[in-house]
Amino acid sequence: MAQAINFDTIATPSALDKKAYAVNIKGLIAHAVDILFGGSETPKQYNVSDLPVHLQKDIGMYR
C-alpha cells in the first residue's frame, strides 16, 4: 500500500525546542514515592496456553 505525507505539517526545529509537559514539585514527589514504595508488587505472569487458539496462531505458538 502506498503511503502519503503532507510535508507542510513536518515539525520545525523551533517547535521541537518547547517542552510538551510541565514538571512540578508535586509530580516529582509522587514519582519518587511510586519508585521507592511501589516496587513490592510482583509482576503478573501469564501462560501462552491460557490464550485462545486464534491468538496463539497469531503469535506463532500454535499451528
PDB file of N, CA and C in Angstrom:
ATOM      1  N   MET A   1       0.839  -1.162   0.000  1.00  0.00           N
ATOM      2  CA  MET A   1       0.000   0.000   0.000  1.00  0.00           C
ATOM      3  C   MET A   1       0.893   1.237   0.000  1.00  0.00           C
ATOM      4  N   ALA A   2       0.563   2.202  -0.807  1.00  0.00           N
ATOM      5  CA  ALA A   2       1.342   3.431  -0.894  1.00  0.00           C
ATOM      6  C   ALA A   2       1.031   4.334   0.292  1.00  0.00           C
ATOM      7  N   GLN A   3       2.057   5.008   0.764  1.00  0.00           N
ATOM      8  CA  GLN A   3       1.902   5.934   1.881  1.00  0.00           C
ATOM      9  C   GLN A   3       2.104   7.359   1.381  1.00  0.00           C
ATOM     10  N   ALA A   4       1.379   8.288   1.972  1.00  0.00           N
ATOM     11  CA  ALA A   4       1.494   9.689   1.577  1.00  0.00           C
ATOM     12  C   ALA A   4       1.659  10.548   2.822  1.00  0.00           C
ATOM     13  N   ILE A   5       2.364  11.660   2.664  1.00  0.00           N
ATOM     14  CA  ILE A   5       2.557  12.588   3.782  1.00  0.00           C
ATOM     15  C   ILE A   5       2.458  14.006   3.253  1.00  0.00           C
ATOM     16  N   ASN A   6       1.888  14.872   4.064  1.00  0.00           N
ATOM     17  CA  ASN A   6       1.824  16.285   3.739  1.00  0.00           C
ATOM     18  C   ASN A   6       3.051  16.950   4.353  1.00  0.00           C
ATOM     19  N   PHE A   7       3.980  17.434   3.526  1.00  0.00           N
ATOM     20  CA  PHE A   7       5.231  17.978   4.029  1.00  0.00           C
ATOM     21  C   PHE A   7       5.068  19.334   4.696  1.00  0.00           C
ATOM     22  N   ASP A   8       3.892  19.944   4.596  1.00  0.00           N
ATOM     23  CA  ASP A   8       3.661  21.217   5.271  1.00  0.00           C
ATOM     24  C   ASP A   8       3.486  21.037   6.776  1.00  0.00           C
ATOM     25  N   THR A   9       3.236  19.813   7.232  1.00  0.00           N
ATOM     26  CA  THR A   9       2.971  19.586   8.652  1.00  0.00           C
ATOM     27  C   THR A   9       4.175  19.034   9.411  1.00  0.00           C
ATOM     28  N   ILE A  10       5.337  18.947   8.810  1.00  0.00           N
ATOM     29  CA  ILE A  10       6.521  18.428   9.489  1.00  0.00           C
ATOM     30  C   ILE A  10       6.967  19.439  10.541  1.00  0.00           C
ATOM     31  N   ALA A  11       7.348  18.944  11.722  1.00  0.00           N
ATOM     32  CA  ALA A  11       7.752  19.823  12.819  1.00  0.00           C
ATOM     33  C   ALA A  11       9.066  20.531  12.488  1.00  0.00           C
ATOM     34  N   THR A  12       9.099  21.811  12.752  1.00  0.00           N
ATOM     35  CA  THR A  12      10.308  22.594  12.528  1.00  0.00           C
ATOM     36  C   THR A  12      11.170  22.560  13.791  1.00  0.00           C
ATOM     37  N   PRO A  13      12.458  22.865  13.686  1.00  0.00           N
ATOM     38  CA  PRO A  13      13.319  22.842  14.879  1.00  0.00           C
ATOM     39  C   PRO A  13      12.831  23.768  15.995  1.00  0.00           C
ATOM     40  N   SER A  14      12.213  24.898  15.652  1.00  0.00           N
ATOM     41  CA  SER A  14      11.729  25.798  16.695  1.00  0.00           C
ATOM     42  C   SER A  14      10.570  25.165  17.467  1.00  0.00           C
ATOM     43  N   ALA A  15       9.785  24.315  16.827  1.00  0.00           N
ATOM     44  CA  ALA A  15       8.690  23.642  17.511  1.00  0.00           C
ATOM     45  C   ALA A  15       9.203  22.518  18.404  1.00  0.00           C
ATOM     46  N   LEU A  16      10.383  21.980  18.099  1.00  0.00           N
ATOM     47  CA  LEU A  16      10.931  20.890  18.895  1.00  0.00           C
ATOM     48  C   LEU A  16      11.624  21.385  20.158  1.00  0.00           C
ATOM     49  N   ASP A  17      11.927  22.675  20.250  1.00  0.00           N
ATOM     50  CA  ASP A  17      12.608  23.218  21.422  1.00  0.00           C
ATOM     51  C   ASP A  17      11.698  23.326  22.632  1.00  0.00           C
ATOM     52  N   LYS A  18      10.394  23.389  22.438  1.00  0.00           N
ATOM     53  CA  LYS A  18       9.456  23.557  23.537  1.00  0.00           C
ATOM     54  C   LYS A  18       9.190  22.229  24.223  1.00  0.00           C
ATOM     55  N   LYS A  19       9.016  22.258  25.549  1.00  0.00           N
ATOM     56  CA  LYS A  19       8.677  21.044  26.287  1.00  0.00           C
ATOM     57  C   LYS A  19       7.196  20.747  26.107  1.00  0.00           C
ATOM     58  N   ALA A  20       6.860  19.479  26.033  1.00  0.00           N
ATOM     59  CA  ALA A  20       5.472  19.071  25.859  1.00  0.00           C
ATOM     60  C   ALA A  20       4.786  18.840  27.199  1.00  0.00           C
ATOM     61  N   TYR A  21       5.496  19.043  28.301  1.00  0.00           N
ATOM     62  CA  TYR A  21       4.937  18.785  29.617  1.00  0.00           C
ATOM     63  C   TYR A  21       5.511  19.790  30.612  1.00  0.00           C
ATOM     64  N   ALA A  22       4.847  19.887  31.746  1.00  0.00           N
ATOM     65  CA  ALA A  22       5.324  20.763  32.811  1.00  0.00           C
ATOM     66  C   ALA A  22       5.770  19.903  33.989  1.00  0.00           C
ATOM     67  N   VAL A  23       6.910  20.209  34.561  1.00  0.00           N
ATOM     68  CA  VAL A  23       7.423  19.486  35.716  1.00  0.00           C
ATOM     69  C   VAL A  23       7.152  20.347  36.944  1.00  0.00           C
ATOM     70  N   ASN A  24       6.517  19.746  37.950  1.00  0.00           N
ATOM     71  CA  ASN A  24       6.278  20.477  39.188  1.00  0.00           C
ATOM     72  C   ASN A  24       6.695  19.613  40.373  1.00  0.00           C
ATOM     73  N   ILE A  25       6.773  20.221  41.542  1.00  0.00           N
ATOM     74  CA  ILE A  25       7.248  19.534  42.749  1.00  0.00           C
ATOM     75  C   ILE A  25       6.309  18.394  43.142  1.00  0.00           C
ATOM     76  N   LYS A  26       5.004  18.630  43.029  1.00  0.00           N
ATOM     77  CA  LYS A  26       4.030  17.604  43.418  1.00  0.00           C
ATOM     78  C   LYS A  26       4.193  16.343  42.564  1.00  0.00           C
ATOM     79  N   GLY A  27       4.403  16.511  41.269  1.00  0.00           N
ATOM     80  CA  GLY A  27       4.593  15.372  40.384  1.00  0.00           C
ATOM     81  C   GLY A  27       5.891  14.631  40.652  1.00  0.00           C
ATOM     82  N   LEU A  28       6.949  15.382  40.966  1.00  0.00           N
ATOM     83  CA  LEU A  28       8.230  14.747  41.268  1.00  0.00           C
ATOM     84  C   LEU A  28       8.163  13.951  42.560  1.00  0.00           C
ATOM     85  N   ILE A  29       7.458  14.492  43.565  1.00  0.00           N
ATOM     86  CA  ILE A  29       7.313  13.765  44.834  1.00  0.00           C
ATOM     87  C   ILE A  29       6.486  12.504  44.627  1.00  0.00           C
ATOM     88  N   ALA A  30       5.403  12.600  43.856  1.00  0.00           N
ATOM     89  CA  ALA A  30       4.574  11.420  43.587  1.00  0.00           C
ATOM     90  C   ALA A  30       5.369  10.358  42.842  1.00  0.00           C
ATOM     91  N   HIS A  31       6.200  10.772  41.897  1.00  0.00           N
ATOM     92  CA  HIS A  31       7.018   9.828  41.140  1.00  0.00           C
ATOM     93  C   HIS A  31       8.050   9.153  42.057  1.00  0.00           C
ATOM     94  N   ALA A  32       8.671   9.933  42.932  1.00  0.00           N
ATOM     95  CA  ALA A  32       9.663   9.367  43.853  1.00  0.00           C
ATOM     96  C   ALA A  32       9.015   8.378  44.816  1.00  0.00           C
ATOM     97  N   VAL A  33       7.835   8.697  45.328  1.00  0.00           N
ATOM     98  CA  VAL A  33       7.131   7.782  46.234  1.00  0.00           C
ATOM     99  C   VAL A  33       6.760   6.502  45.504  1.00  0.00           C
ATOM    100  N   ASP A  34       6.345   6.635  44.261  1.00  0.00           N
ATOM    101  CA  ASP A  34       5.984   5.461  43.466  1.00  0.00           C
ATOM    102  C   ASP A  34       7.192   4.563  43.243  1.00  0.00           C
ATOM    103  N   ILE A  35       8.352   5.157  42.995  1.00  0.00           N
ATOM    104  CA  ILE A  35       9.557   4.360  42.771  1.00  0.00           C
ATOM    105  C   ILE A  35      10.023   3.696  44.069  1.00  0.00           C
ATOM    106  N   LEU A  36      10.018   4.459  45.159  1.00  0.00           N
ATOM    107  CA  LEU A  36      10.553   3.935  46.416  1.00  0.00           C
ATOM    108  C   LEU A  36       9.640   2.917  47.087  1.00  0.00           C
ATOM    109  N   PHE A  37       8.337   3.145  47.053  1.00  0.00           N
ATOM    110  CA  PHE A  37       7.418   2.307  47.816  1.00  0.00           C
ATOM    111  C   PHE A  37       6.471   1.483  46.955  1.00  0.00           C
ATOM    112  N   GLY A  38       6.531   1.602  45.638  1.00  0.00           N
ATOM    113  CA  GLY A  38       5.605   0.884  44.779  1.00  0.00           C
ATOM    114  C   GLY A  38       6.158  -0.373  44.159  1.00  0.00           C
ATOM    115  N   GLY A  39       7.395  -0.756  44.474  1.00  0.00           N
ATOM    116  CA  GLY A  39       8.039  -1.887  43.831  1.00  0.00           C
ATOM    117  C   GLY A  39       7.791  -3.224  44.491  1.00  0.00           C
ATOM    118  N   SER A  40       6.934  -3.294  45.523  1.00  0.00           N
ATOM    119  CA  SER A  40       6.759  -4.552  46.239  1.00  0.00           C
ATOM    120  C   SER A  40       5.822  -5.521  45.523  1.00  0.00           C
ATOM    121  N   GLU A  41       5.084  -5.053  44.548  1.00  0.00           N
ATOM    122  CA  GLU A  41       4.167  -5.938  43.822  1.00  0.00           C
ATOM    123  C   GLU A  41       4.953  -6.808  42.850  1.00  0.00           C
ATOM    124  N   THR A  42       4.582  -8.077  42.769  1.00  0.00           N
ATOM    125  CA  THR A  42       5.218  -8.959  41.798  1.00  0.00           C
ATOM    126  C   THR A  42       4.517  -8.781  40.459  1.00  0.00           C
ATOM    127  N   PRO A  43       5.259  -8.791  39.368  1.00  0.00           N
ATOM    128  CA  PRO A  43       4.631  -8.639  38.060  1.00  0.00           C
ATOM    129  C   PRO A  43       3.752  -9.851  37.735  1.00  0.00           C
ATOM    130  N   LYS A  44       2.668  -9.587  37.031  1.00  0.00           N
ATOM    131  CA  LYS A  44       1.765 -10.674  36.643  1.00  0.00           C
ATOM    132  C   LYS A  44       2.421 -11.518  35.562  1.00  0.00           C
ATOM    133  N   GLN A  45       2.233 -12.808  35.665  1.00  0.00           N
ATOM    134  CA  GLN A  45       2.769 -13.721  34.671  1.00  0.00           C
ATOM    135  C   GLN A  45       1.615 -14.481  34.041  1.00  0.00           C
ATOM    136  N   TYR A  46       1.693 -14.646  32.745  1.00  0.00           N
ATOM    137  CA  TYR A  46       0.653 -15.339  32.004  1.00  0.00           C
ATOM    138  C   TYR A  46       1.268 -16.506  31.244  1.00  0.00           C
ATOM    139  N   ASN A  47       0.470 -17.542  31.026  1.00  0.00           N
ATOM    140  CA  ASN A  47       0.901 -18.695  30.271  1.00  0.00           C
ATOM    141  C   ASN A  47       0.274 -18.622  28.883  1.00  0.00           C
ATOM    142  N   VAL A  48       1.045 -18.945  27.858  1.00  0.00           N
ATOM    143  CA  VAL A  48       0.545 -18.866  26.487  1.00  0.00           C
ATOM    144  C   VAL A  48      -0.605 -19.835  26.274  1.00  0.00           C
ATOM    145  N   SER A  49      -0.598 -20.964  26.969  1.00  0.00           N
ATOM    146  CA  SER A  49      -1.663 -21.940  26.776  1.00  0.00           C
ATOM    147  C   SER A  49      -3.011 -21.447  27.316  1.00  0.00           C
ATOM    148  N   ASP A  50      -2.994 -20.377  28.120  1.00  0.00           N
ATOM    149  CA  ASP A  50      -4.247 -19.798  28.600  1.00  0.00           C
ATOM    150  C   ASP A  50      -4.933 -18.938  27.542  1.00  0.00           C
ATOM    151  N   LEU A  51      -4.185 -18.559  26.507  1.00  0.00           N
ATOM    152  CA  LEU A  51      -4.768 -17.741  25.446  1.00  0.00           C
ATOM    153  C   LEU A  51      -5.651 -18.587  24.536  1.00  0.00           C
ATOM    154  N   PRO A  52      -6.643 -17.974  23.896  1.00  0.00           N
ATOM    155  CA  PRO A  52      -7.444 -18.701  22.910  1.00  0.00           C
ATOM    156  C   PRO A  52      -6.576 -19.138  21.721  1.00  0.00           C
ATOM    157  N   VAL A  53      -7.033 -20.154  21.012  1.00  0.00           N
ATOM    158  CA  VAL A  53      -6.254 -20.729  19.914  1.00  0.00           C
ATOM    159  C   VAL A  53      -5.990 -19.702  18.817  1.00  0.00           C
ATOM    160  N   HIS A  54      -6.978 -18.832  18.529  1.00  0.00           N
ATOM    161  CA  HIS A  54      -6.765 -17.867  17.442  1.00  0.00           C
ATOM    162  C   HIS A  54      -5.664 -16.864  17.795  1.00  0.00           C
ATOM    163  N   LEU A  55      -5.482 -16.535  19.067  1.00  0.00           N
ATOM    164  CA  LEU A  55      -4.385 -15.651  19.460  1.00  0.00           C
ATOM    165  C   LEU A  55      -3.053 -16.395  19.454  1.00  0.00           C
ATOM    166  N   GLN A  56      -3.067 -17.675  19.816  1.00  0.00           N
ATOM    167  CA  GLN A  56      -1.846 -18.473  19.750  1.00  0.00           C
ATOM    168  C   GLN A  56      -1.365 -18.585  18.313  1.00  0.00           C
ATOM    169  N   LYS A  57      -2.297 -18.720  17.370  1.00  0.00           N
ATOM    170  CA  LYS A  57      -1.923 -18.772  15.959  1.00  0.00           C
ATOM    171  C   LYS A  57      -1.336 -17.440  15.502  1.00  0.00           C
ATOM    172  N   ASP A  58      -1.892 -16.317  16.000  1.00  0.00           N
ATOM    173  CA  ASP A  58      -1.399 -15.001  15.600  1.00  0.00           C
ATOM    174  C   ASP A  58       0.043 -14.775  16.026  1.00  0.00           C
ATOM    175  N   ILE A  59       0.423 -15.271  17.191  1.00  0.00           N
ATOM    176  CA  ILE A  59       1.792 -15.056  17.658  1.00  0.00           C
ATOM    177  C   ILE A  59       2.709 -16.213  17.283  1.00  0.00           C
ATOM    178  N   GLY A  60       2.193 -17.208  16.587  1.00  0.00           N
ATOM    179  CA  GLY A  60       3.019 -18.291  16.073  1.00  0.00           C
ATOM    180  C   GLY A  60       3.276 -19.410  17.048  1.00  0.00           C
ATOM    181  N   MET A  61       2.472 -19.561  18.087  1.00  0.00           N
ATOM    182  CA  MET A  61       2.686 -20.617  19.068  1.00  0.00           C
ATOM    183  C   MET A  61       1.865 -21.872  18.767  1.00  0.00           C
ATOM    184  N   TYR A  62       0.929 -21.778  17.843  1.00  0.00           N
ATOM    185  CA  TYR A  62       0.052 -22.910  17.536  1.00  0.00           C
ATOM    186  C   TYR A  62      -0.116 -22.950  16.035  1.00  0.00           C
ATOM    187  N   ARG A  63      -0.110 -24.167  15.479  1.00  0.00           N
ATOM    188  CA  ARG A  63      -0.272 -24.295  14.016  1.00  0.00           C
ATOM    189  C   ARG A  63      -1.501 -25.058  13.684  1.00  0.00           C
TER     190      ARG A  63
END
